């Protein structure tokens, strides 16, 4: 036997970014942000022991469970609305003999519940992956691996995994930080304890160079590299943001960069000027809504402490050559459909003001402060499922308008954004933005226009099996792709949707232990606060 033949063959590992499509169809959309969800996981798997593959269901389409490929280790990740898909795939991979490890928001917030469906779950930061892989190799895989979300280890991202998976992106996606220090009540980050933490500057620089080097030789992102920072809040640490930006200014190959920031960044005109000089060409801001009642309800304090006008701030940034994009959220409990439409019209009536990049209904994401409050106050509709937490399902009992009106709006948001803002207004706004951006740069103009018309591009690829956009209306085809020889228990465990509320509108049983633990922690905090107050006040005086 030769020395080469004597070497043990490497095991096979697969990372699947699961995805259930809006509209409950099987069509893929190839959204440019989503493929990065699994890149960190795949990069943390030791390739000296594993052949690693990356599969993304939004990019490649639903994973075909009939394929003859076999894997030793499978990692699954996804958003809350994708958790049922993670369970479905877990059944198939475990049946084939693979060990299945899952991560994501549900695994982090409800680890003991999530562990019912997988061999192990990772709660918190992705940095738990090496420990799980090591334990798997040593035959001692644990049920739950916990890693603080704000504790970042040093590791190299292998961007060649994207190329090998056939994922070709228009920009280089880089992460310079994680988490966020704000506490918006509809967001999962504060619920997960994901405080803001920054990568070392050298780590960011290496990630950029690795991403460029892994790009195809004649690709646009190799010849004209543009960076998109997909941090939860790139601006949370101002000094680190500026250090990264100055590094990009000095990088000989980087032409432009963009990032996700909080709205209050635009109030600082001097900062906007500086970012413009440092090659910043686009910012996505957390605008969400212009309605003060909406912002107060969801504790979006960074949008409330304002000096001046967000409209003038956005127009100023655009004149400095930084085009602004944002999303609009609609809470049908707080606004009428007519008021929401009037808000969009008022935005686009301002010459050169950008249109929303996307529209979405507010969704009560499980485990957030808003979710628990809605549950306790009986605001959630009966038969609400995890699958419904995708931003297009009407989740609430009491609405400002008739359900039919809200359903019609939800359909327009998903399928026909031209009903939200006319083509004429969109094109006029786009032309004014190009004229006012102050740059003779066709690539900048193209990027501006493509972002401006993003919702229309998404709508071109949209399809739906829905009409009412209410819970329980229709499920994805994947729910019915059940093996013929499955037992009733396996069907219930892996293929029936996870419910949040019962047919009577009560809290689902699996949530009750977490609700009780939350109430216990809240009581302790109140007791501690009272004790501290008593110490400061001192003993009461005798009568």
Protein backbone atom coordinates (compact mmCIF):
# COMPACT_ATOMS: atom_id res chain seq x y z
CA UNK A 1 0.00 0.00 0.00
CA UNK A 2 1.37 3.40 -0.95
CA UNK A 3 1.83 6.18 1.62
CA UNK A 4 -0.88 8.24 -0.16
CA UNK A 5 -3.38 5.39 -0.06
CA UNK A 6 -2.68 4.83 3.64
CA UNK A 7 -3.81 8.35 4.53
CA UNK A 8 -7.34 8.39 5.96
CA UNK A 9 -9.83 10.15 3.68
CA UNK A 10 -11.27 13.41 4.92
CA UNK A 11 -14.84 13.48 6.12
CA UNK A 12 -17.51 15.47 4.32
CA UNK A 13 -19.15 18.52 5.87
CA UNK A 14 -22.00 20.61 4.49
CA UNK A 15 -23.23 24.03 5.58
CA UNK A 16 -26.79 24.82 4.48
CA UNK A 17 -28.22 28.33 4.72
CA UNK A 18 -31.89 27.40 4.82
CA UNK A 19 -34.52 29.63 3.25
CA UNK A 20 -38.30 29.54 2.92
CA UNK A 21 -39.36 32.03 0.26
CA UNK A 22 -41.82 34.90 0.73
CA UNK A 23 -44.99 33.97 -1.10
CA UNK A 24 -44.58 30.33 0.01
CA UNK A 25 -43.08 29.27 -3.33
CA UNK A 26 -39.86 27.48 -4.29
CA UNK A 27 -38.42 30.27 -6.44
CA UNK A 28 -34.93 31.54 -5.58
CA UNK A 29 -34.05 35.23 -5.49
CA UNK A 30 -30.25 35.29 -5.04
CA UNK A 31 -30.32 38.16 -2.58
CA UNK A 32 -26.75 39.39 -2.39
CA UNK A 33 -26.57 39.62 1.44
CA UNK A 34 -27.85 36.17 2.33
CA UNK A 35 -24.95 33.94 1.13
CA UNK A 36 -22.69 35.33 3.87
CA UNK A 37 -24.86 33.75 6.55
CA UNK A 38 -23.00 30.44 6.28
CA UNK A 39 -19.56 31.61 5.17
CA UNK A 40 -18.38 32.15 8.75
CA UNK A 41 -19.58 28.69 9.79
CA UNK A 42 -17.92 27.00 6.82
CA UNK A 43 -14.66 28.90 7.39
CA UNK A 44 -14.52 27.68 11.01
CA UNK A 45 -14.68 24.00 10.04
CA UNK A 46 -11.18 22.50 10.00
CA UNK A 47 -10.46 21.69 6.35
CA UNK A 48 -7.60 19.41 7.31
CA UNK A 49 -10.29 17.01 8.54
CA UNK A 50 -13.22 17.87 6.26
CA UNK A 51 -14.11 18.56 2.67
CA UNK A 52 -16.43 21.52 3.22
CA UNK A 53 -19.32 22.51 0.95
CA UNK A 54 -21.55 25.58 1.20
CA UNK A 55 -25.16 25.50 -0.01
CA UNK A 56 -27.58 28.43 0.07
CA UNK A 57 -31.25 27.76 -0.58
CA UNK A 58 -32.01 31.34 -1.63
CA UNK A 59 -29.19 31.19 -4.19
CA UNK A 60 -29.35 27.55 -5.31
CA UNK A 61 -33.00 26.78 -4.62
CA UNK A 62 -34.37 24.27 -2.07
CA UNK A 63 -31.91 21.51 -1.24
CA UNK A 64 -32.95 18.31 -3.00
CA UNK A 65 -33.15 15.69 -0.29
CA UNK A 66 -33.29 12.95 -2.93
CA UNK A 67 -29.67 13.54 -3.92
CA UNK A 68 -27.41 10.51 -3.30
CA UNK A 69 -24.70 12.62 -1.60
CA UNK A 70 -23.88 11.63 1.97
CA UNK A 71 -22.27 13.84 4.61
CA UNK A 72 -20.71 13.12 7.98
CA UNK A 73 -21.41 16.53 9.51
CA UNK A 74 -24.08 19.08 8.54
CA UNK A 75 -24.53 22.61 9.87
CA UNK A 76 -27.91 24.30 9.39
CA UNK A 77 -28.66 27.97 9.90
CA UNK A 78 -31.51 30.32 9.07
CA UNK A 79 -33.81 33.11 10.19
CA UNK A 80 -36.75 32.52 12.53
CA UNK A 81 -39.14 31.99 9.62
CA UNK A 82 -36.75 29.32 8.26
CA UNK A 83 -36.61 27.23 11.43
CA UNK A 84 -39.17 24.72 10.15
CA UNK A 85 -37.01 24.19 7.07
CA UNK A 86 -34.06 23.49 9.34
CA UNK A 87 -36.14 20.80 11.06
CA UNK A 88 -37.16 19.24 7.74
CA UNK A 89 -33.59 19.01 6.51
CA UNK A 90 -32.43 17.73 9.88
CA UNK A 91 -34.72 14.73 9.53
CA UNK A 92 -33.33 13.83 6.11
CA UNK A 93 -29.65 14.30 7.00
CA UNK A 94 -29.93 12.49 10.33
CA UNK A 95 -31.72 9.62 8.62
CA UNK A 96 -28.74 9.35 6.24
CA UNK A 97 -26.38 9.09 9.20
CA UNK A 98 -25.04 12.64 9.46
CA UNK A 99 -24.59 14.52 12.71
CA UNK A 100 -26.63 17.74 12.42
CA UNK A 101 -25.69 20.94 14.25
CA UNK A 102 -27.97 24.00 14.07
CA UNK A 103 -27.58 27.69 14.79
CA UNK A 104 -29.47 30.93 14.41
CA UNK A 105 -31.86 33.08 16.39
CA UNK A 106 -34.20 30.33 17.64
CA UNK A 107 -31.24 28.21 18.72
CA UNK A 108 -29.79 31.16 20.62
CA UNK A 109 -32.99 32.32 22.31
CA UNK A 110 -34.60 28.90 22.89
CA UNK A 111 -31.69 26.42 22.95
CA UNK A 112 -33.31 23.62 24.93
CA UNK A 113 -36.36 23.66 22.68
CA UNK A 114 -34.25 23.78 19.50
CA UNK A 115 -32.13 20.86 20.71
CA UNK A 116 -35.14 18.54 20.29
CA UNK A 117 -34.60 18.51 16.52
CA UNK A 118 -30.81 18.32 16.07
CA UNK A 119 -27.80 16.52 17.46
CA UNK A 120 -26.46 19.82 18.82
CA UNK A 121 -27.22 23.53 18.71
CA UNK A 122 -24.94 26.56 18.86
CA UNK A 123 -26.34 29.43 20.91
CA UNK A 124 -24.80 32.89 20.55
CA UNK A 125 -21.69 33.62 18.51
CA UNK A 126 -20.56 31.59 15.51
CA UNK A 127 -17.23 31.12 17.29
CA UNK A 128 -18.70 28.06 19.03
CA UNK A 129 -18.31 26.07 15.79
CA UNK A 130 -14.68 24.90 16.33
CA UNK A 131 -15.57 23.49 19.77
CA UNK A 132 -18.51 21.60 18.31
CA UNK A 133 -16.40 20.25 15.44
CA UNK A 134 -13.62 19.17 17.82
CA UNK A 135 -16.09 17.38 20.08
CA UNK A 136 -17.67 15.66 17.08
CA UNK A 137 -14.27 14.36 15.94
CA UNK A 138 -13.61 13.06 19.47
CA UNK A 139 -17.03 11.43 19.76
CA UNK A 140 -18.32 13.61 22.58
CA UNK A 141 -20.73 16.03 20.92
CA UNK A 142 -22.71 18.04 23.50
CA UNK A 143 -26.33 19.09 23.15
CA UNK A 144 -25.82 22.85 23.47
CA UNK A 145 -22.78 25.04 22.80
CA UNK A 146 -22.98 28.56 24.19
CA UNK A 147 -20.71 31.36 23.04
CA UNK A 148 -21.13 35.05 24.00
CA UNK A 149 -22.24 36.91 20.88
CA UNK A 150 -19.91 39.82 21.60
CA UNK A 151 -16.77 37.68 22.08
CA UNK A 152 -14.96 37.48 18.74
CA UNK A 153 -12.10 35.07 18.11
CA UNK A 154 -9.50 35.45 15.37
CA UNK A 155 -10.01 33.34 12.29
CA UNK A 156 -9.65 33.64 8.51
CA UNK A 157 -12.66 33.74 6.21
CA UNK A 158 -12.28 31.41 3.23
CA UNK A 159 -14.02 33.37 0.47
CA UNK A 160 -13.10 30.66 -2.03
CA UNK A 161 -15.98 28.68 -0.51
CA UNK A 162 -18.36 31.12 -2.22
CA UNK A 163 -16.61 30.67 -5.57
CA UNK A 164 -16.64 26.88 -5.24
CA UNK A 165 -20.36 27.04 -4.44
CA UNK A 166 -21.03 29.05 -7.59
CA UNK A 167 -22.12 32.14 -5.63
CA UNK A 168 -21.13 35.27 -7.55
CA UNK A 169 -21.84 38.55 -5.77
CA UNK A 170 -21.73 42.12 -7.11
CA UNK A 171 -19.71 43.41 -4.14
CA UNK A 172 -17.29 42.11 -1.51
CA UNK A 173 -19.20 41.41 1.69
CA UNK A 174 -17.14 42.14 4.80
CA UNK A 175 -17.92 42.20 8.52
CA UNK A 176 -16.02 44.69 10.70
CA UNK A 177 -18.13 44.35 13.86
CA UNK A 178 -21.05 42.46 15.36
CA UNK A 179 -24.05 43.38 17.45
CA UNK A 180 -25.55 46.72 18.38
CA UNK A 181 -25.74 48.80 21.57
CA UNK A 182 -29.27 50.10 20.89
CA UNK A 183 -32.26 48.23 22.25
CA UNK A 184 -35.06 48.44 19.69
CA UNK A 185 -37.81 46.24 21.09
CA UNK A 186 -38.62 44.53 17.76
CA UNK A 187 -34.99 43.44 17.20
CA UNK A 188 -33.53 40.06 18.17
CA UNK A 189 -30.05 41.46 18.89
CA UNK A 190 -30.79 42.87 22.36
CA UNK A 191 -32.82 39.75 23.13
CA UNK A 192 -29.78 37.63 22.26
CA UNK A 193 -27.47 39.86 24.33
CA UNK A 194 -25.53 40.76 21.18
CA UNK A 195 -23.74 43.86 22.44
CA UNK A 196 -21.53 45.63 19.93
CA UNK A 197 -18.02 44.26 19.43
CA UNK A 198 -15.39 45.16 16.81
CA UNK A 199 -12.91 43.07 14.87
CA UNK A 200 -9.23 44.04 14.95
CA UNK A 201 -8.35 46.36 12.09
CA UNK A 202 -5.78 43.89 10.74
CA UNK A 203 -8.46 41.16 10.67
CA UNK A 204 -10.71 43.39 8.56
CA UNK A 205 -7.83 44.19 6.20
CA UNK A 206 -7.03 40.49 5.73
CA UNK A 207 -10.70 39.69 5.08
CA UNK A 208 -10.79 42.33 2.33
CA UNK A 209 -7.61 41.03 0.70
CA UNK A 210 -8.85 37.43 0.94
CA UNK A 211 -12.18 38.38 -0.64
CA UNK A 212 -10.44 40.12 -3.55
CA UNK A 213 -8.00 37.25 -4.06
CA UNK A 214 -10.80 34.66 -4.09
CA UNK A 215 -12.83 36.54 -6.71
CA UNK A 216 -12.68 35.26 -10.30
CA UNK A 217 -9.83 36.87 -12.21
CA UNK A 218 -11.97 38.82 -14.67
CA UNK A 219 -14.92 39.51 -12.37
CA UNK A 220 -16.19 43.00 -11.62
CA UNK A 221 -15.43 42.67 -7.92
CA UNK A 222 -11.81 41.66 -8.72
CA UNK A 223 -11.23 44.51 -11.19
CA UNK A 224 -13.34 47.16 -9.48
CA UNK A 225 -13.57 46.11 -5.80
CA UNK A 226 -16.42 47.64 -3.83
CA UNK A 227 -17.02 46.75 -0.19
CA UNK A 228 -20.36 46.29 1.51
CA UNK A 229 -20.11 46.06 5.30
CA UNK A 230 -23.00 43.95 6.50
CA UNK A 231 -22.40 44.70 10.20
CA UNK A 232 -25.55 45.02 12.29
CA UNK A 233 -24.46 48.59 13.06
CA UNK A 234 -21.24 49.72 11.36
CA UNK A 235 -21.42 53.12 13.10
CA UNK A 236 -21.83 51.86 16.69
CA UNK A 237 -18.16 52.52 17.50
CA UNK A 238 -17.39 55.81 15.76
CA UNK A 239 -13.62 55.68 16.22
CA UNK A 240 -13.38 52.14 14.86
CA UNK A 241 -15.63 53.09 11.92
CA UNK A 242 -13.28 55.94 11.02
CA UNK A 243 -10.21 53.72 11.38
CA UNK A 244 -11.72 51.21 8.95
CA UNK A 245 -12.75 54.00 6.57
CA UNK A 246 -9.24 55.50 6.57
CA UNK A 247 -7.79 52.09 5.89
CA UNK A 248 -10.12 51.80 2.88
CA UNK A 249 -9.10 55.26 1.66
CA UNK A 250 -5.47 54.14 1.67
CA UNK A 251 -6.16 50.73 0.13
CA UNK A 252 -4.82 50.90 -3.45
CA UNK A 253 -7.55 48.73 -4.96
CA UNK A 254 -10.77 49.63 -3.15
CA UNK A 255 -12.91 52.02 -5.23
CA UNK A 256 -15.91 52.49 -2.95
CA UNK A 257 -17.64 51.13 0.12
CA UNK A 258 -21.08 51.02 1.75
CA UNK A 259 -22.41 50.05 5.17
CA UNK A 260 -25.46 49.72 7.43
CA UNK A 261 -25.62 52.52 10.00
CA UNK A 262 -28.11 54.10 12.38
CA UNK A 263 -30.11 57.11 11.22
CA UNK A 264 -28.55 59.51 13.73
CA UNK A 265 -25.20 59.29 11.88
CA UNK A 266 -26.64 61.60 9.22
CA UNK A 267 -27.21 64.38 11.77
CA UNK A 268 -23.44 64.88 12.01
CA UNK A 269 -22.68 66.83 8.83
CA UNK A 270 -18.94 66.94 9.58
CA UNK A 271 -18.93 63.13 9.87
CA UNK A 272 -20.84 62.80 6.60
CA UNK A 273 -18.27 65.04 4.89
CA UNK A 274 -15.44 62.93 6.28
CA UNK A 275 -17.03 59.64 5.17
CA UNK A 276 -17.50 61.06 1.68
CA UNK A 277 -13.78 61.89 1.51
CA UNK A 278 -13.00 58.34 2.68
CA UNK A 279 -14.62 56.61 -0.34
CA UNK A 280 -18.03 56.01 1.26
CA UNK A 281 -20.58 55.95 -1.55
CA UNK A 282 -23.69 54.42 0.06
CA UNK A 283 -25.28 54.01 3.48
CA UNK A 284 -28.29 51.96 4.46
CA UNK A 285 -29.96 53.64 7.44
CA UNK A 286 -32.45 52.27 9.96
CA UNK A 287 -35.19 54.75 9.11
CA UNK A 288 -38.11 52.28 9.57
CA UNK A 289 -40.79 54.99 9.88
CA UNK A 290 -41.35 58.73 10.13
CA UNK A 291 -44.18 58.16 12.60
CA UNK A 292 -43.07 59.23 16.14
CA UNK A 293 -45.62 56.88 17.72
CA UNK A 294 -44.00 53.94 15.89
CA UNK A 295 -40.50 54.95 17.01
CA UNK A 296 -41.55 55.40 20.65
CA UNK A 297 -43.48 52.14 20.76
CA UNK A 298 -40.43 50.17 19.64
CA UNK A 299 -37.85 52.14 21.66
CA UNK A 300 -36.01 53.33 18.55
CA UNK A 301 -34.38 56.14 20.52
CA UNK A 302 -31.64 56.81 17.97
CA UNK A 303 -34.34 58.12 15.60
CA UNK A 304 -36.12 60.24 18.20
CA UNK A 305 -33.35 62.48 19.57
CA UNK A 306 -33.21 64.64 16.47
CA UNK A 307 -31.82 68.04 15.58
CA UNK A 308 -33.26 69.23 12.31
CA UNK A 309 -34.92 67.07 9.68
CA UNK A 310 -34.15 63.54 8.49
CA UNK A 311 -35.25 64.66 5.02
CA UNK A 312 -32.65 67.43 4.89
CA UNK A 313 -30.01 65.10 6.38
CA UNK A 314 -30.59 62.53 3.62
CA UNK A 315 -30.53 65.15 0.89
CA UNK A 316 -27.29 66.58 2.30
CA UNK A 317 -25.60 63.16 2.30
CA UNK A 318 -26.71 62.57 -1.28
CA UNK A 319 -25.26 65.93 -2.37
CA UNK A 320 -21.96 64.76 -0.85
CA UNK A 321 -22.05 61.71 -3.15
CA UNK A 322 -23.32 59.21 -0.55
CA UNK A 323 -26.57 57.69 -1.71
CA UNK A 324 -28.96 56.63 1.04
CA UNK A 325 -31.23 53.61 1.15
CA UNK A 326 -33.68 52.51 3.81
CA UNK A 327 -36.67 50.29 4.48
CA UNK A 328 -40.18 51.21 5.61
CA UNK A 329 -42.00 49.18 8.26
CA UNK A 330 -45.77 49.27 8.62
CA UNK A 331 -47.50 48.47 11.91
CA UNK A 332 -51.21 48.11 11.10
CA UNK A 333 -52.06 48.66 14.78
CA UNK A 334 -50.64 52.19 14.75
CA UNK A 335 -51.29 53.50 11.25
CA UNK A 336 -54.03 53.27 8.69
CA UNK A 337 -53.19 52.10 5.20
CA UNK A 338 -54.04 55.57 3.90
CA UNK A 339 -51.67 57.24 6.39
CA UNK A 340 -48.83 54.88 5.46
CA UNK A 341 -49.34 55.52 1.75
CA UNK A 342 -49.47 59.26 2.40
CA UNK A 343 -46.12 59.00 4.20
CA UNK A 344 -44.53 57.31 1.16
CA UNK A 345 -46.04 59.88 -1.21
CA UNK A 346 -44.78 62.76 0.95
CA UNK A 347 -41.24 61.32 0.80
CA UNK A 348 -41.24 61.02 -2.98
CA UNK A 349 -42.77 64.45 -3.47
CA UNK A 350 -39.48 65.86 -2.15
CA UNK A 351 -37.25 66.40 -5.18
CA UNK A 352 -34.40 63.88 -5.19
CA UNK A 353 -35.52 62.00 -2.08
CA UNK A 354 -34.82 58.23 -2.40
CA UNK A 355 -37.64 55.70 -2.44
CA UNK A 356 -37.66 52.87 0.12
CA UNK A 357 -35.51 49.88 -0.76
CA UNK A 358 -38.10 47.53 0.70
CA UNK A 359 -41.44 47.52 2.52
CA UNK A 360 -42.41 45.18 5.33
CA UNK A 361 -45.06 44.57 7.94
CA UNK A 362 -43.84 44.61 11.53
CA UNK A 363 -43.29 41.04 12.67
CA UNK A 364 -43.32 39.91 16.34
CA UNK A 365 -40.00 38.07 16.26
CA UNK A 366 -39.96 35.39 18.94
CA UNK A 367 -38.04 36.27 22.09
CA UNK A 368 -37.91 40.04 21.54
CA UNK A 369 -39.31 42.52 24.04
CA UNK A 370 -42.07 43.43 21.60
CA UNK A 371 -42.96 39.74 21.18
CA UNK A 372 -43.36 39.06 24.89
CA UNK A 373 -45.33 42.27 25.36
CA UNK A 374 -47.65 41.40 22.46
CA UNK A 375 -48.11 37.89 23.84
CA UNK A 376 -48.90 39.07 27.35
CA UNK A 377 -51.42 41.62 26.09
CA UNK A 378 -53.17 39.12 23.84
CA UNK A 379 -52.37 41.03 20.63
CA UNK A 380 -51.28 38.07 18.49
CA UNK A 381 -53.67 36.26 16.19
CA UNK A 382 -54.56 32.58 16.80
CA UNK A 383 -52.67 29.91 14.86
CA UNK A 384 -49.60 32.12 14.37
CA UNK A 385 -46.53 30.04 13.42
CA UNK A 386 -42.79 30.66 13.40
CA UNK A 387 -43.08 30.41 9.63
CA UNK A 388 -45.26 33.54 9.70
CA UNK A 389 -42.49 35.76 11.12
CA UNK A 390 -41.19 36.90 7.73
CA UNK A 391 -42.63 40.42 7.44
CA UNK A 392 -45.49 39.72 5.06
CA UNK A 393 -47.97 37.99 7.40
CA UNK A 394 -50.53 39.97 9.40
CA UNK A 395 -49.80 38.87 12.97
CA UNK A 396 -52.11 41.06 15.10
CA UNK A 397 -55.73 40.99 16.23
CA UNK A 398 -56.56 44.70 16.51
CA UNK A 399 -55.93 46.71 13.35
CA UNK A 400 -56.62 50.31 12.39
CA UNK A 401 -58.23 49.15 9.13
CA UNK A 402 -60.22 46.18 7.98
CA UNK A 403 -58.10 43.06 7.45
CA UNK A 404 -58.97 43.11 3.75
CA UNK A 405 -57.33 46.54 3.36
CA UNK A 406 -54.20 45.45 5.22
CA UNK A 407 -54.05 42.22 3.19
CA UNK A 408 -54.21 44.20 -0.04
CA UNK A 409 -51.34 46.42 1.15
CA UNK A 410 -49.26 43.37 2.16
CA UNK A 411 -49.70 41.99 -1.36
CA UNK A 412 -48.60 45.27 -2.94
CA UNK A 413 -45.51 45.41 -0.70
CA UNK A 414 -44.41 41.93 -1.74
CA UNK A 415 -45.54 41.66 -5.35
CA UNK A 416 -46.28 45.06 -6.79
CA UNK A 417 -44.38 47.98 -5.22
CA UNK A 418 -45.51 50.14 -8.15
CA UNK A 419 -48.77 50.37 -6.22
CA UNK A 420 -46.76 51.88 -3.35
CA UNK A 421 -44.95 54.52 -5.42
CA UNK A 422 -45.57 55.30 -9.08
CA UNK A 423 -42.94 54.74 -11.75
CA UNK A 424 -43.10 58.41 -12.66
CA UNK A 425 -42.17 59.56 -9.16
CA UNK A 426 -39.49 56.90 -8.90
CA UNK A 427 -37.83 57.89 -12.16
CA UNK A 428 -38.00 61.61 -11.44
CA UNK A 429 -36.48 61.03 -8.01
CA UNK A 430 -33.76 58.84 -9.50
CA UNK A 431 -32.83 61.43 -12.14
CA UNK A 432 -32.59 64.22 -9.56
CA UNK A 433 -30.38 62.06 -7.35
CA UNK A 434 -27.96 61.40 -10.20
CA UNK A 435 -27.86 65.09 -11.14
CA UNK A 436 -27.25 66.19 -7.55
CA UNK A 437 -24.73 63.55 -6.44
CA UNK A 438 -21.82 65.63 -7.74
CA UNK A 439 -19.95 62.72 -9.32
CA UNK A 440 -19.16 62.01 -12.98
CA UNK A 441 -19.06 58.29 -12.30
CA UNK A 442 -21.28 55.95 -14.38
CA UNK A 443 -20.69 53.04 -11.98
CA UNK A 444 -21.83 55.21 -9.07
CA UNK A 445 -24.91 56.20 -11.09
CA UNK A 446 -25.67 52.57 -11.92
CA UNK A 447 -25.33 51.52 -8.28
CA UNK A 448 -27.56 54.40 -7.20
CA UNK A 449 -30.24 53.54 -9.76
CA UNK A 450 -30.16 49.79 -9.05
CA UNK A 451 -30.55 50.38 -5.31
CA UNK A 452 -33.32 52.90 -5.92
CA UNK A 453 -35.25 50.37 -8.01
CA UNK A 454 -34.43 47.38 -5.79
CA UNK A 455 -38.02 46.76 -4.70
CA UNK A 456 -39.08 46.60 -8.35
CA UNK A 457 -36.32 44.14 -9.16
CA UNK A 458 -37.42 41.92 -6.29
CA UNK A 459 -41.03 42.14 -7.47
CA UNK A 460 -40.03 40.92 -10.95
CA UNK A 461 -38.98 37.64 -9.37
CA UNK A 462 -41.87 37.49 -6.91
CA UNK A 463 -44.62 34.93 -6.93
CA UNK A 464 -47.11 34.00 -4.28
CA UNK A 465 -49.57 31.34 -3.27
CA UNK A 466 -51.17 33.76 -0.83
CA UNK A 467 -54.19 36.05 -0.95
CA UNK A 468 -55.15 37.05 2.60
CA UNK A 469 -51.66 37.16 4.19
CA UNK A 470 -53.19 35.82 7.40
CA UNK A 471 -51.72 33.01 9.54
CA UNK A 472 -52.56 29.48 8.46
CA UNK A 473 -53.51 30.43 4.91
CA UNK A 474 -51.02 28.24 3.05
CA UNK A 475 -47.70 26.49 3.71
CA UNK A 476 -44.64 26.04 1.50
CA UNK A 477 -44.46 22.95 -0.75
CA UNK A 478 -41.57 21.64 1.37
CA UNK A 479 -43.97 20.87 4.22
CA UNK A 480 -45.67 18.22 2.10
CA UNK A 481 -42.46 16.57 0.89
CA UNK A 482 -42.65 13.91 3.57
CA UNK A 483 -41.20 10.39 3.13
CA UNK A 484 -43.87 7.74 2.76
CA UNK A 485 -42.44 5.57 5.52
CA UNK A 486 -42.29 8.28 8.17
CA UNK A 487 -43.92 7.61 11.54
CA UNK A 488 -46.65 9.89 12.94
CA UNK A 489 -44.24 11.01 15.67
CA UNK A 490 -41.54 11.88 13.14
CA UNK A 491 -44.05 13.80 11.05
CA UNK A 492 -45.12 15.84 14.08
CA UNK A 493 -41.56 16.39 15.24
CA UNK A 494 -40.00 17.42 11.94
CA UNK A 495 -42.67 18.45 9.44
CA UNK A 496 -45.60 20.07 11.21
CA UNK A 497 -45.13 23.84 11.64
CA UNK A 498 -44.00 25.16 15.02
CA UNK A 499 -46.86 27.23 16.41
CA UNK A 500 -46.52 30.37 18.51
CA UNK A 501 -50.18 30.69 19.46
CA UNK A 502 -52.91 28.08 19.86
CA UNK A 503 -56.23 28.03 17.94
CA UNK A 504 -57.62 30.02 20.88
CA UNK A 505 -54.85 32.60 20.65
CA UNK A 506 -53.04 31.46 23.80
CA UNK A 507 -49.28 31.06 24.17
CA UNK A 508 -47.95 27.77 22.78
CA UNK A 509 -46.79 25.33 25.45
CA UNK A 510 -43.14 25.27 24.35
CA UNK A 511 -42.86 29.02 25.06
CA UNK A 512 -44.21 28.84 28.63
CA UNK A 513 -40.98 27.79 30.41
CA UNK A 514 -39.11 30.66 28.71
CA UNK A 515 -41.86 33.11 29.63
CA UNK A 516 -41.74 31.95 33.25
CA UNK A 517 -37.95 32.33 33.34
CA UNK A 518 -38.27 35.81 31.86
CA UNK A 519 -40.83 36.77 34.53
CA UNK A 520 -38.50 35.44 37.23
CA UNK A 521 -35.58 37.54 35.94
CA UNK A 522 -37.80 40.59 35.71
CA UNK A 523 -38.93 40.13 39.32
CA UNK A 524 -35.32 39.87 40.48
CA UNK A 525 -34.42 43.09 38.65
CA UNK A 526 -37.34 44.92 40.24
CA UNK A 527 -36.43 43.61 43.71
CA UNK A 528 -32.81 44.66 43.23
CA UNK A 529 -33.85 48.12 42.03
CA UNK A 530 -36.08 48.60 45.09
CA UNK A 531 -33.23 47.51 47.37
CA UNK A 532 -30.85 50.00 45.75
CA UNK A 533 -33.42 52.78 46.10
CA UNK A 534 -33.93 51.92 49.77
CA UNK A 535 -30.17 52.15 50.40
CA UNK A 536 -30.03 55.60 48.82
CA UNK A 537 -33.12 56.89 50.62
CA UNK A 538 -32.16 55.43 53.98
CA UNK A 539 -34.45 54.22 56.78
CA UNK A 540 -37.77 55.96 57.03
CA UNK A 541 -38.17 58.52 59.82
CA UNK A 542 -40.40 57.59 62.78
CA UNK A 543 -43.80 59.27 62.84
